Amino acid sequence: MTEQHNQAKPSIGWIGLGKMGTPIVANLLRAGFDITVYDVEPSRVDELAAQGAKPAADIATLAASVQLVFSIIPDDTVLRRVALGSQGVVANAAKGTVYVDMSTVSPSVSEAVRDAARARGMGFVAAPVSGSTVLAEKAQLTVFASGPKDAFECARGVLETLSARQYYVGDDQQARYLKLAINHLVGSTAVLLAEALTLGKRGGLDWVEMLTVIGDSVAASPLVKYKLEPLKQRDFSPAFSSKQMLKDMSLVVDAGHAAGVPMAAAALVREQFAAYVADDGAELDFFSIVRAVEAAAHRA
């Protein structure tokens, strides 16, 4: 870590002010960080400018003016454009800049950004997050980080401010694989629970009582417990939408195939979400996949 990073908070550029980016940046502003922000939606920039952030006209200007660049964006296509385009981060940041991407993206695209950053003398850290928008607002997210250790140390203070837990898991793309492995378990849990609940419902169990017992059983993971109350109320407001889960399960399957890992279960879960998204479940919470299983049981 450089003397500059030891003595003062680094200047930050933040790209992506969606459901996660906006509360994260708001927390960093309250912690006293100097932050320049960019988003394709000017209203999101204006919202944070009112809280003290500096608006950037474009990514190139942002990247050239800060010590640390962060992005949290939707998918591989956007990351390629943001990181690797002629007006993107890598082409316009100064040598020695650290770039931290917190998106859920494929290891292959992340590797392309790593290589481009390395060629420019920049440090690239993959740091996807786990947690809901509520946890983002409370600065209680979990961060999985990997990349050059010195680059991670430069970003550590920022990551500690925006999250409750930070796991440095390796010097390359390990964080991408960890995030996808966990999301595989999360998406699969939703489908398994949907089938279990529908079976119990068909067997005459009371919906709320069944969920209460499951919450006290050996199958009650933190995820299941977190979802118990919304499920009891059949409140499928999207903390994380089915469309987003379909994207993540597709990343899981593709990464598995690229790594030579059989992904039979992940492929089945992806198929379930693909059918549900194509029907009417795209914007509902991914645990609403229970509706699709119930509908299939009704047709049987």
C-alpha atoms as a PDB file:
ATOM      1  CA  MET A   1       0.000   0.000   0.000  1.00  0.00           C
ATOM      2  CA  THR A   2       1.397   3.401  -0.940  1.00  0.00           C
ATOM      3  CA  GLU A   3       2.090   6.232   1.487  1.00  0.00           C
ATOM      4  CA  GLN A   4      -0.697   8.195  -0.193  1.00  0.00           C
ATOM      5  CA  HIS A   5      -3.239   5.481   0.569  1.00  0.00           C
ATOM      6  CA  ASN A   6      -2.001   5.230   4.154  1.00  0.00           C
ATOM      7  CA  GLN A   7      -2.329   8.941   4.871  1.00  0.00           C
ATOM      8  CA  ALA A   8      -5.736   9.805   3.406  1.00  0.00           C
ATOM      9  CA  LYS A   9      -8.861   8.358   1.940  1.00  0.00           C
ATOM     10  CA  PRO A  10      -8.331   7.726  -1.794  1.00  0.00           C
ATOM     11  CA  SER A  11     -10.423   9.503  -4.395  1.00  0.00           C
ATOM     12  CA  ILE A  12     -13.053   7.166  -5.824  1.00  0.00           C
ATOM     13  CA  GLY A  13     -14.831   6.936  -9.146  1.00  0.00           C
ATOM     14  CA  TRP A  14     -18.066   4.924  -9.092  1.00  0.00           C
ATOM     15  CA  ILE A  15     -19.785   3.543 -12.186  1.00  0.00           C
ATOM     16  CA  GLY A  16     -23.273   2.069 -11.838  1.00  0.00           C
ATOM     17  CA  LEU A  17     -25.945   3.595  -9.608  1.00  0.00           C
ATOM     18  CA  GLY A  18     -28.647   0.952  -9.669  1.00  0.00           C
ATOM     19  CA  LYS A  19     -30.357  -0.785  -6.757  1.00  0.00           C
ATOM     20  CA  MET A  20     -27.017  -1.726  -5.201  1.00  0.00           C
ATOM     21  CA  GLY A  21     -24.729   1.067  -6.357  1.00  0.00           C
ATOM     22  CA  THR A  22     -26.844   3.940  -5.068  1.00  0.00           C
ATOM     23  CA  PRO A  23     -27.047   2.853  -1.400  1.00  0.00           C
ATOM     24  CA  ILE A  24     -23.390   1.799  -1.424  1.00  0.00           C
ATOM     25  CA  VAL A  25     -22.255   5.200  -2.667  1.00  0.00           C
ATOM     26  CA  ALA A  26     -24.552   6.951  -0.166  1.00  0.00           C
ATOM     27  CA  ASN A  27     -22.805   5.059   2.647  1.00  0.00           C
ATOM     28  CA  LEU A  28     -19.366   5.951   1.326  1.00  0.00           C
ATOM     29  CA  LEU A  29     -20.328   9.616   1.109  1.00  0.00           C
ATOM     30  CA  ARG A  30     -21.483   9.551   4.723  1.00  0.00           C
ATOM     31  CA  ALA A  31     -18.101   8.043   5.621  1.00  0.00           C
ATOM     32  CA  GLY A  32     -16.342  11.029   4.096  1.00  0.00           C
ATOM     33  CA  PHE A  33     -15.013   9.623   0.829  1.00  0.00           C
ATOM     34  CA  ASP A  34     -14.459  11.890  -2.172  1.00  0.00           C
ATOM     35  CA  ILE A  35     -16.551  10.215  -4.889  1.00  0.00           C
ATOM     36  CA  THR A  36     -17.128  10.972  -8.551  1.00  0.00           C
ATOM     37  CA  VAL A  37     -20.100   9.118 -10.033  1.00  0.00           C
ATOM     38  CA  TYR A  38     -21.378   8.089 -13.450  1.00  0.00           C
ATOM     39  CA  ASP A  39     -24.499   6.284 -14.638  1.00  0.00           C
ATOM     40  CA  VAL A  40     -26.365   6.096 -17.924  1.00  0.00           C
ATOM     41  CA  GLU A  41     -29.414   7.503 -16.072  1.00  0.00           C
ATOM     42  CA  PRO A  42     -28.706  11.176 -15.261  1.00  0.00           C
ATOM     43  CA  SER A  43     -31.388  11.224 -12.549  1.00  0.00           C
ATOM     44  CA  ARG A  44     -29.394   8.696 -10.530  1.00  0.00           C
ATOM     45  CA  VAL A  45     -26.305  10.880 -10.790  1.00  0.00           C
ATOM     46  CA  ASP A  46     -28.333  13.912  -9.709  1.00  0.00           C
ATOM     47  CA  GLU A  47     -29.665  12.047  -6.657  1.00  0.00           C
ATOM     48  CA  LEU A  48     -26.161  11.361  -5.367  1.00  0.00           C
ATOM     49  CA  ALA A  49     -24.802  14.734  -6.421  1.00  0.00           C
ATOM     50  CA  ALA A  50     -27.358  16.202  -4.024  1.00  0.00           C
ATOM     51  CA  GLN A  51     -25.678  14.139  -1.298  1.00  0.00           C
ATOM     52  CA  GLY A  52     -22.193  15.390  -2.125  1.00  0.00           C
ATOM     53  CA  ALA A  53     -20.943  13.230  -5.005  1.00  0.00           C
ATOM     54  CA  LYS A  54     -19.244  14.823  -8.000  1.00  0.00           C
ATOM     55  CA  PRO A  55     -21.003  14.079 -11.308  1.00  0.00           C
ATOM     56  CA  ALA A  56     -18.905  12.897 -14.252  1.00  0.00           C
ATOM     57  CA  ALA A  57     -19.930  13.593 -17.823  1.00  0.00           C
ATOM     58  CA  ASP A  58     -18.539  10.267 -19.010  1.00  0.00           C
ATOM     59  CA  ILE A  59     -16.525   7.227 -17.942  1.00  0.00           C
ATOM     60  CA  ALA A  60     -13.305   8.457 -19.532  1.00  0.00           C
ATOM     61  CA  THR A  61     -13.314  11.666 -17.494  1.00  0.00           C
ATOM     62  CA  LEU A  62     -14.118   9.762 -14.310  1.00  0.00           C
ATOM     63  CA  ALA A  63     -11.390   7.168 -14.822  1.00  0.00           C
ATOM     64  CA  ALA A  64      -8.723   9.788 -15.474  1.00  0.00           C
ATOM     65  CA  SER A  65      -9.466  11.758 -12.310  1.00  0.00           C
ATOM     66  CA  VAL A  66      -9.407   9.218  -9.447  1.00  0.00           C
ATOM     67  CA  GLN A  67      -7.165   6.704  -7.677  1.00  0.00           C
ATOM     68  CA  LEU A  68      -9.744   3.925  -7.346  1.00  0.00           C
ATOM     69  CA  VAL A  69     -12.441   3.052  -9.862  1.00  0.00           C
ATOM     70  CA  PHE A  70     -15.392   0.881  -8.824  1.00  0.00           C
ATOM     71  CA  SER A  71     -18.154  -0.535 -10.984  1.00  0.00           C
ATOM     72  CA  ILE A  72     -21.279  -2.524 -10.206  1.00  0.00           C
ATOM     73  CA  ILE A  73     -23.162  -3.134 -13.422  1.00  0.00           C
ATOM     74  CA  PRO A  74     -25.617  -5.622 -14.945  1.00  0.00           C
ATOM     75  CA  ASP A  75     -23.730  -8.116 -17.100  1.00  0.00           C
ATOM     76  CA  ASP A  76     -20.800  -9.137 -19.302  1.00  0.00           C
ATOM     77  CA  THR A  77     -21.805  -6.904 -22.197  1.00  0.00           C
ATOM     78  CA  VAL A  78     -21.897  -3.787 -20.045  1.00  0.00           C
ATOM     79  CA  LEU A  79     -18.616  -4.670 -18.336  1.00  0.00           C
ATOM     80  CA  ARG A  80     -16.897  -5.028 -21.710  1.00  0.00           C
ATOM     81  CA  ARG A  81     -18.137  -1.592 -22.734  1.00  0.00           C
ATOM     82  CA  VAL A  82     -17.392   0.099 -19.405  1.00  0.00           C
ATOM     83  CA  ALA A  83     -13.963  -1.465 -18.912  1.00  0.00           C
ATOM     84  CA  LEU A  84     -12.615  -2.110 -22.397  1.00  0.00           C
ATOM     85  CA  GLY A  85     -14.205   0.432 -24.738  1.00  0.00           C
ATOM     86  CA  SER A  86     -12.145   3.286 -26.157  1.00  0.00           C
ATOM     87  CA  GLN A  87     -13.885   5.621 -23.712  1.00  0.00           C
ATOM     88  CA  GLY A  88     -13.774   3.062 -20.922  1.00  0.00           C
ATOM     89  CA  VAL A  89     -11.891   2.659 -17.669  1.00  0.00           C
ATOM     90  CA  VAL A  90      -8.751   0.860 -18.797  1.00  0.00           C
ATOM     91  CA  ALA A  91      -7.998   3.088 -21.778  1.00  0.00           C
ATOM     92  CA  ASN A  92      -8.343   6.298 -19.775  1.00  0.00           C
ATOM     93  CA  ALA A  93      -7.173   5.609 -16.210  1.00  0.00           C
ATOM     94  CA  ALA A  94      -3.644   6.530 -15.186  1.00  0.00           C
ATOM     95  CA  LYS A  95      -0.983   3.917 -14.606  1.00  0.00           C
ATOM     96  CA  GLY A  96      -1.207   2.687 -11.029  1.00  0.00           C
ATOM     97  CA  THR A  97      -4.964   3.151 -10.783  1.00  0.00           C
ATOM     98  CA  VAL A  98      -6.801   0.276  -9.099  1.00  0.00           C
ATOM     99  CA  TYR A  99     -10.015  -0.904 -10.740  1.00  0.00           C
ATOM    100  CA  VAL A 100     -12.482  -2.914  -8.632  1.00  0.00           C
ATOM    101  CA  ASP A 101     -15.455  -4.523 -10.339  1.00  0.00           C
ATOM    102  CA  MET A 102     -18.229  -5.675  -7.992  1.00  0.00           C
ATOM    103  CA  SER A 103     -20.610  -7.062 -10.610  1.00  0.00           C
ATOM    104  CA  THR A 104     -21.705 -10.672 -11.061  1.00  0.00           C
ATOM    105  CA  VAL A 105     -20.110 -11.558 -14.398  1.00  0.00           C
ATOM    106  CA  SER A 106     -18.376 -14.460 -16.092  1.00  0.00           C
ATOM    107  CA  PRO A 107     -14.792 -15.409 -15.258  1.00  0.00           C
ATOM    108  CA  SER A 108     -13.922 -15.174 -18.962  1.00  0.00           C
ATOM    109  CA  VAL A 109     -14.913 -11.511 -19.324  1.00  0.00           C
ATOM    110  CA  SER A 110     -13.262 -10.746 -15.995  1.00  0.00           C
ATOM    111  CA  GLU A 111     -10.047 -12.313 -17.301  1.00  0.00           C
ATOM    112  CA  ALA A 112     -10.182 -10.070 -20.371  1.00  0.00           C
ATOM    113  CA  VAL A 113     -10.437  -7.002 -18.143  1.00  0.00           C
ATOM    114  CA  ARG A 114      -7.608  -8.323 -15.951  1.00  0.00           C
ATOM    115  CA  ASP A 115      -5.323  -8.716 -18.954  1.00  0.00           C
ATOM    116  CA  ALA A 116      -6.107  -5.261 -20.326  1.00  0.00           C
ATOM    117  CA  ALA A 117      -5.599  -3.646 -16.926  1.00  0.00           C
ATOM    118  CA  ARG A 118      -2.311  -5.473 -16.403  1.00  0.00           C
ATOM    119  CA  ALA A 119      -1.047  -4.274 -19.784  1.00  0.00           C
ATOM    120  CA  ARG A 120      -1.779  -0.673 -18.731  1.00  0.00           C
ATOM    121  CA  GLY A 121      -0.022  -1.026 -15.378  1.00  0.00           C
ATOM    122  CA  MET A 122      -3.268  -1.058 -13.415  1.00  0.00           C
ATOM    123  CA  GLY A 123      -4.426  -3.376 -10.644  1.00  0.00           C
ATOM    124  CA  PHE A 124      -7.717  -5.173 -11.251  1.00  0.00           C
ATOM    125  CA  VAL A 125      -9.710  -6.662  -8.366  1.00  0.00           C
ATOM    126  CA  ALA A 126     -12.766  -8.855  -8.857  1.00  0.00           C
ATOM    127  CA  ALA A 127     -15.007  -8.157  -5.858  1.00  0.00           C
ATOM    128  CA  PRO A 128     -18.583  -9.375  -6.354  1.00  0.00           C
ATOM    129  CA  VAL A 129     -20.979  -8.829  -3.461  1.00  0.00           C
ATOM    130  CA  SER A 130     -23.523 -11.024  -1.736  1.00  0.00           C
ATOM    131  CA  GLY A 131     -26.579  -9.537  -0.054  1.00  0.00           C
ATOM    132  CA  SER A 132     -29.816  -7.693  -0.669  1.00  0.00           C
ATOM    133  CA  THR A 133     -30.511  -4.022  -1.293  1.00  0.00           C
ATOM    134  CA  VAL A 134     -31.518  -3.781   2.383  1.00  0.00           C
ATOM    135  CA  LEU A 135     -28.075  -5.041   3.406  1.00  0.00           C
ATOM    136  CA  ALA A 136     -26.481  -2.594   0.965  1.00  0.00           C
ATOM    137  CA  GLU A 137     -28.324   0.261   2.701  1.00  0.00           C
ATOM    138  CA  LYS A 138     -27.055  -0.971   6.079  1.00  0.00           C
ATOM    139  CA  ALA A 139     -23.467  -1.511   4.808  1.00  0.00           C
ATOM    140  CA  GLN A 140     -23.869  -5.173   5.773  1.00  0.00           C
ATOM    141  CA  LEU A 141     -22.963  -6.797   2.443  1.00  0.00           C
ATOM    142  CA  THR A 142     -20.418  -9.581   2.060  1.00  0.00           C
ATOM    143  CA  VAL A 143     -17.575  -9.060  -0.422  1.00  0.00           C
ATOM    144  CA  PHE A 144     -15.571 -11.820  -2.119  1.00  0.00           C
ATOM    145  CA  ALA A 145     -12.363 -10.348  -3.535  1.00  0.00           C
ATOM    146  CA  SER A 146      -9.511 -11.673  -5.638  1.00  0.00           C
ATOM    147  CA  GLY A 147      -6.715 -10.140  -7.638  1.00  0.00           C
ATOM    148  CA  PRO A 148      -3.242  -8.749  -6.892  1.00  0.00           C
ATOM    149  CA  LYS A 149      -2.860  -8.473  -3.121  1.00  0.00           C
ATOM    150  CA  ASP A 150      -1.430  -4.945  -3.251  1.00  0.00           C
ATOM    151  CA  ALA A 151      -4.395  -3.761  -5.315  1.00  0.00           C
ATOM    152  CA  PHE A 152      -6.792  -5.353  -2.836  1.00  0.00           C
ATOM    153  CA  GLU A 153      -5.026  -3.593   0.039  1.00  0.00           C
ATOM    154  CA  CYS A 154      -5.481  -0.254  -1.715  1.00  0.00           C
ATOM    155  CA  ALA A 155      -9.234  -0.903  -1.916  1.00  0.00           C
ATOM    156  CA  ARG A 156      -9.608  -2.565   1.480  1.00  0.00           C
ATOM    157  CA  GLY A 157     -10.656   0.568   3.371  1.00  0.00           C
ATOM    158  CA  VAL A 158     -13.467   1.250   0.912  1.00  0.00           C
ATOM    159  CA  LEU A 159     -14.627  -2.366   0.963  1.00  0.00           C
ATOM    160  CA  GLU A 160     -14.616  -2.401   4.769  1.00  0.00           C
ATOM    161  CA  THR A 161     -16.807   0.703   4.780  1.00  0.00           C
ATOM    162  CA  LEU A 162     -19.463  -0.644   2.430  1.00  0.00           C
ATOM    163  CA  SER A 163     -19.680  -4.208   3.775  1.00  0.00           C
ATOM    164  CA  ALA A 164     -19.740  -6.247   6.980  1.00  0.00           C
ATOM    165  CA  ARG A 165     -17.429  -9.018   5.779  1.00  0.00           C
ATOM    166  CA  GLN A 166     -14.621  -9.114   3.240  1.00  0.00           C
ATOM    167  CA  TYR A 167     -13.031 -12.353   2.050  1.00  0.00           C
ATOM    168  CA  TYR A 168      -9.816 -12.161   0.041  1.00  0.00           C
ATOM    169  CA  VAL A 169      -9.755 -15.539  -1.693  1.00  0.00           C
ATOM    170  CA  GLY A 170      -6.894 -15.477  -4.188  1.00  0.00           C
ATOM    171  CA  ASP A 171      -4.751 -13.540  -6.624  1.00  0.00           C
ATOM    172  CA  ASP A 172      -6.751 -14.127  -9.816  1.00  0.00           C
ATOM    173  CA  GLN A 173     -10.432 -14.948 -10.603  1.00  0.00           C
ATOM    174  CA  GLN A 174     -11.285 -17.009  -7.519  1.00  0.00           C
ATOM    175  CA  ALA A 175     -13.886 -14.478  -6.352  1.00  0.00           C
ATOM    176  CA  ARG A 176     -15.841 -14.900  -9.583  1.00  0.00           C
ATOM    177  CA  TYR A 177     -16.031 -18.662  -9.104  1.00  0.00           C
ATOM    178  CA  LEU A 178     -16.974 -18.308  -5.436  1.00  0.00           C
ATOM    179  CA  LYS A 179     -19.804 -15.913  -6.266  1.00  0.00           C
ATOM    180  CA  LEU A 180     -21.152 -18.268  -8.953  1.00  0.00           C
ATOM    181  CA  ALA A 181     -20.850 -21.297  -6.673  1.00  0.00           C
ATOM    182  CA  ILE A 182     -22.877 -19.533  -3.990  1.00  0.00           C
ATOM    183  CA  ASN A 183     -25.449 -18.283  -6.491  1.00  0.00           C
ATOM    184  CA  HIS A 184     -25.833 -21.843  -7.773  1.00  0.00           C
ATOM    185  CA  LEU A 185     -26.799 -22.883  -4.254  1.00  0.00           C
ATOM    186  CA  VAL A 186     -29.137 -19.903  -3.885  1.00  0.00           C
ATOM    187  CA  GLY A 187     -30.977 -20.449  -7.170  1.00  0.00           C
ATOM    188  CA  SER A 188     -31.206 -24.186  -6.622  1.00  0.00           C
ATOM    189  CA  THR A 189     -32.574 -23.662  -3.108  1.00  0.00           C
ATOM    190  CA  ALA A 190     -35.453 -21.610  -4.508  1.00  0.00           C
ATOM    191  CA  VAL A 191     -36.454 -24.392  -6.903  1.00  0.00           C
ATOM    192  CA  LEU A 192     -36.056 -27.163  -4.321  1.00  0.00           C
ATOM    193  CA  LEU A 193     -38.105 -25.252  -1.759  1.00  0.00           C
ATOM    194  CA  ALA A 194     -40.777 -24.545  -4.375  1.00  0.00           C
ATOM    195  CA  GLU A 195     -41.159 -28.248  -5.098  1.00  0.00           C
ATOM    196  CA  ALA A 196     -41.142 -29.167  -1.398  1.00  0.00           C
ATOM    197  CA  LEU A 197     -43.775 -26.555  -0.546  1.00  0.00           C
ATOM    198  CA  THR A 198     -46.017 -27.583  -3.416  1.00  0.00           C
ATOM    199  CA  LEU A 199     -45.767 -31.225  -2.350  1.00  0.00           C
ATOM    200  CA  GLY A 200     -46.705 -30.322   1.191  1.00  0.00           C
ATOM    201  CA  LYS A 201     -49.590 -28.152   0.025  1.00  0.00           C
ATOM    202  CA  ARG A 202     -50.936 -31.034  -2.078  1.00  0.00           C
ATOM    203  CA  GLY A 203     -50.677 -33.236   1.009  1.00  0.00           C
ATOM    204  CA  GLY A 204     -53.005 -30.966   2.927  1.00  0.00           C
ATOM    205  CA  LEU A 205     -50.509 -28.986   5.000  1.00  0.00           C
ATOM    206  CA  ASP A 206     -51.308 -25.454   6.077  1.00  0.00           C
ATOM    207  CA  TRP A 207     -49.048 -23.074   4.116  1.00  0.00           C
ATOM    208  CA  VAL A 208     -47.919 -20.896   7.025  1.00  0.00           C
ATOM    209  CA  GLU A 209     -47.534 -23.764   9.474  1.00  0.00           C
ATOM    210  CA  MET A 210     -45.487 -25.735   6.959  1.00  0.00           C
ATOM    211  CA  LEU A 211     -43.120 -22.812   6.474  1.00  0.00           C
ATOM    212  CA  THR A 212     -42.799 -22.322  10.230  1.00  0.00           C
ATOM    213  CA  VAL A 213     -41.765 -25.941  10.714  1.00  0.00           C
ATOM    214  CA  ILE A 214     -39.322 -25.812   7.786  1.00  0.00           C
ATOM    215  CA  GLY A 215     -37.810 -22.722   9.413  1.00  0.00           C
ATOM    216  CA  ASP A 216     -37.149 -24.759  12.557  1.00  0.00           C
ATOM    217  CA  SER A 217     -35.860 -27.816  10.720  1.00  0.00           C
ATOM    218  CA  VAL A 218     -32.449 -29.049   9.666  1.00  0.00           C
ATOM    219  CA  ALA A 219     -33.176 -27.632   6.188  1.00  0.00           C
ATOM    220  CA  ALA A 220     -33.442 -24.054   7.470  1.00  0.00           C
ATOM    221  CA  SER A 221     -30.436 -22.270   5.980  1.00  0.00           C
ATOM    222  CA  PRO A 222     -29.970 -18.523   6.582  1.00  0.00           C
ATOM    223  CA  LEU A 223     -31.404 -17.986   3.089  1.00  0.00           C
ATOM    224  CA  VAL A 224     -34.547 -20.003   3.842  1.00  0.00           C
ATOM    225  CA  LYS A 225     -35.019 -18.194   7.155  1.00  0.00           C
ATOM    226  CA  TYR A 226     -34.612 -14.828   5.428  1.00  0.00           C
ATOM    227  CA  LYS A 227     -37.347 -15.733   2.949  1.00  0.00           C
ATOM    228  CA  LEU A 228     -39.828 -17.269   5.429  1.00  0.00           C
ATOM    229  CA  GLU A 229     -41.929 -14.178   6.127  1.00  0.00           C
ATOM    230  CA  PRO A 230     -42.275 -13.050   2.490  1.00  0.00           C
ATOM    231  CA  LEU A 231     -43.204 -16.632   1.554  1.00  0.00           C
ATOM    232  CA  LYS A 232     -45.780 -16.878   4.354  1.00  0.00           C
ATOM    233  CA  GLN A 233     -47.381 -13.701   3.037  1.00  0.00           C
ATOM    234  CA  ARG A 234     -46.810 -14.710  -0.587  1.00  0.00           C
ATOM    235  CA  ASP A 235     -45.095 -11.369  -1.046  1.00  0.00           C
ATOM    236  CA  PHE A 236     -42.976 -11.710  -4.160  1.00  0.00           C
ATOM    237  CA  SER A 237     -41.737  -8.125  -4.374  1.00  0.00           C
ATOM    238  CA  PRO A 238     -38.323  -8.403  -6.020  1.00  0.00           C
ATOM    239  CA  ALA A 239     -35.337  -8.270  -3.694  1.00  0.00           C
ATOM    240  CA  PHE A 240     -33.626 -10.144  -6.550  1.00  0.00           C
ATOM    241  CA  SER A 241     -35.724 -10.838  -9.627  1.00  0.00           C
ATOM    242  CA  SER A 242     -36.255 -14.098 -11.487  1.00  0.00           C
ATOM    243  CA  LYS A 243     -34.745 -12.463 -14.572  1.00  0.00           C
ATOM    244  CA  GLN A 244     -31.588 -11.701 -12.608  1.00  0.00           C
ATOM    245  CA  MET A 245     -31.451 -15.261 -11.292  1.00  0.00           C
ATOM    246  CA  LEU A 246     -31.793 -16.623 -14.828  1.00  0.00           C
ATOM    247  CA  LYS A 247     -28.768 -14.525 -15.815  1.00  0.00           C
ATOM    248  CA  ASP A 248     -26.769 -15.823 -12.866  1.00  0.00           C
ATOM    249  CA  MET A 249     -27.714 -19.471 -13.414  1.00  0.00           C
ATOM    250  CA  SER A 250     -26.681 -19.103 -17.053  1.00  0.00           C
ATOM    251  CA  LEU A 251     -23.303 -17.807 -15.880  1.00  0.00           C
ATOM    252  CA  VAL A 252     -23.029 -20.797 -13.529  1.00  0.00           C
ATOM    253  CA  VAL A 253     -23.747 -23.323 -16.278  1.00  0.00           C
ATOM    254  CA  ASP A 254     -21.410 -21.647 -18.778  1.00  0.00           C
ATOM    255  CA  ALA A 255     -18.570 -21.342 -16.257  1.00  0.00           C
ATOM    256  CA  GLY A 256     -18.984 -25.001 -15.318  1.00  0.00           C
ATOM    257  CA  HIS A 257     -18.842 -26.121 -18.914  1.00  0.00           C
ATOM    258  CA  ALA A 258     -15.760 -23.967 -19.553  1.00  0.00           C
ATOM    259  CA  ALA A 259     -14.067 -25.510 -16.501  1.00  0.00           C
ATOM    260  CA  GLY A 260     -15.029 -29.062 -17.464  1.00  0.00           C
ATOM    261  CA  VAL A 261     -17.441 -29.495 -14.548  1.00  0.00           C
ATOM    262  CA  PRO A 262     -20.734 -31.401 -15.109  1.00  0.00           C
ATOM    263  CA  MET A 263     -23.569 -28.982 -14.335  1.00  0.00           C
ATOM    264  CA  ALA A 264     -26.661 -31.190 -14.654  1.00  0.00           C
ATOM    265  CA  ALA A 265     -28.454 -29.742 -11.619  1.00  0.00           C
ATOM    266  CA  ALA A 266     -27.594 -26.159 -12.533  1.00  0.00           C
ATOM    267  CA  ALA A 267     -28.863 -26.717 -16.067  1.00  0.00           C
ATOM    268  CA  LEU A 268     -32.207 -27.967 -14.741  1.00  0.00           C
ATOM    269  CA  VAL A 269     -32.545 -24.950 -12.453  1.00  0.00           C
ATOM    270  CA  ARG A 270     -31.704 -22.641 -15.341  1.00  0.00           C
ATOM    271  CA  GLU A 271     -34.398 -24.298 -17.464  1.00  0.00           C
ATOM    272  CA  GLN A 272     -36.946 -23.755 -14.692  1.00  0.00           C
ATOM    273  CA  PHE A 273     -36.147 -20.061 -14.476  1.00  0.00           C
ATOM    274  CA  ALA A 274     -36.008 -19.655 -18.253  1.00  0.00           C
ATOM    275  CA  ALA A 275     -39.539 -21.021 -18.597  1.00  0.00           C
ATOM    276  CA  TYR A 276     -40.797 -18.920 -15.688  1.00  0.00           C
ATOM    277  CA  VAL A 277     -39.231 -15.714 -16.999  1.00  0.00           C
ATOM    278  CA  ALA A 278     -40.710 -16.357 -20.440  1.00  0.00           C
ATOM    279  CA  ASP A 279     -44.121 -16.774 -18.825  1.00  0.00           C
ATOM    280  CA  ASP A 280     -44.896 -13.978 -16.343  1.00  0.00           C
ATOM    281  CA  GLY A 281     -42.329 -14.195 -13.567  1.00  0.00           C
ATOM    282  CA  ALA A 282     -39.455 -12.092 -14.893  1.00  0.00           C
ATOM    283  CA  GLU A 283     -39.790  -9.125 -12.560  1.00  0.00           C
ATOM    284  CA  LEU A 284     -40.980 -10.995  -9.443  1.00  0.00           C
ATOM    285  CA  ASP A 285     -38.615 -12.188  -6.728  1.00  0.00           C
ATOM    286  CA  PHE A 286     -36.838 -15.393  -7.706  1.00  0.00           C
ATOM    287  CA  PHE A 287     -38.473 -17.294  -4.827  1.00  0.00           C
ATOM    288  CA  SER A 288     -41.765 -16.738  -6.635  1.00  0.00           C
ATOM    289  CA  ILE A 289     -40.688 -19.716  -8.782  1.00  0.00           C
ATOM    290  CA  VAL A 290     -43.045 -21.580  -6.424  1.00  0.00           C
ATOM    291  CA  ARG A 291     -45.870 -20.160  -8.558  1.00  0.00           C
ATOM    292  CA  ALA A 292     -44.541 -22.039 -11.585  1.00  0.00           C
ATOM    293  CA  VAL A 293     -44.325 -25.331  -9.706  1.00  0.00           C
ATOM    294  CA  GLU A 294     -47.836 -24.834  -8.335  1.00  0.00           C
ATOM    295  CA  ALA A 295     -49.157 -24.128 -11.826  1.00  0.00           C
ATOM    296  CA  ALA A 296     -47.483 -27.255 -13.181  1.00  0.00           C
ATOM    297  CA  ALA A 297     -49.005 -29.315 -10.330  1.00  0.00           C
ATOM    298  CA  HIS A 298     -52.416 -27.883 -11.141  1.00  0.00           C
ATOM    299  CA  ARG A 299     -52.065 -28.921 -14.792  1.00  0.00           C
ATOM    300  CA  ALA A 300     -50.887 -32.444 -13.898  1.00  0.00           C
END
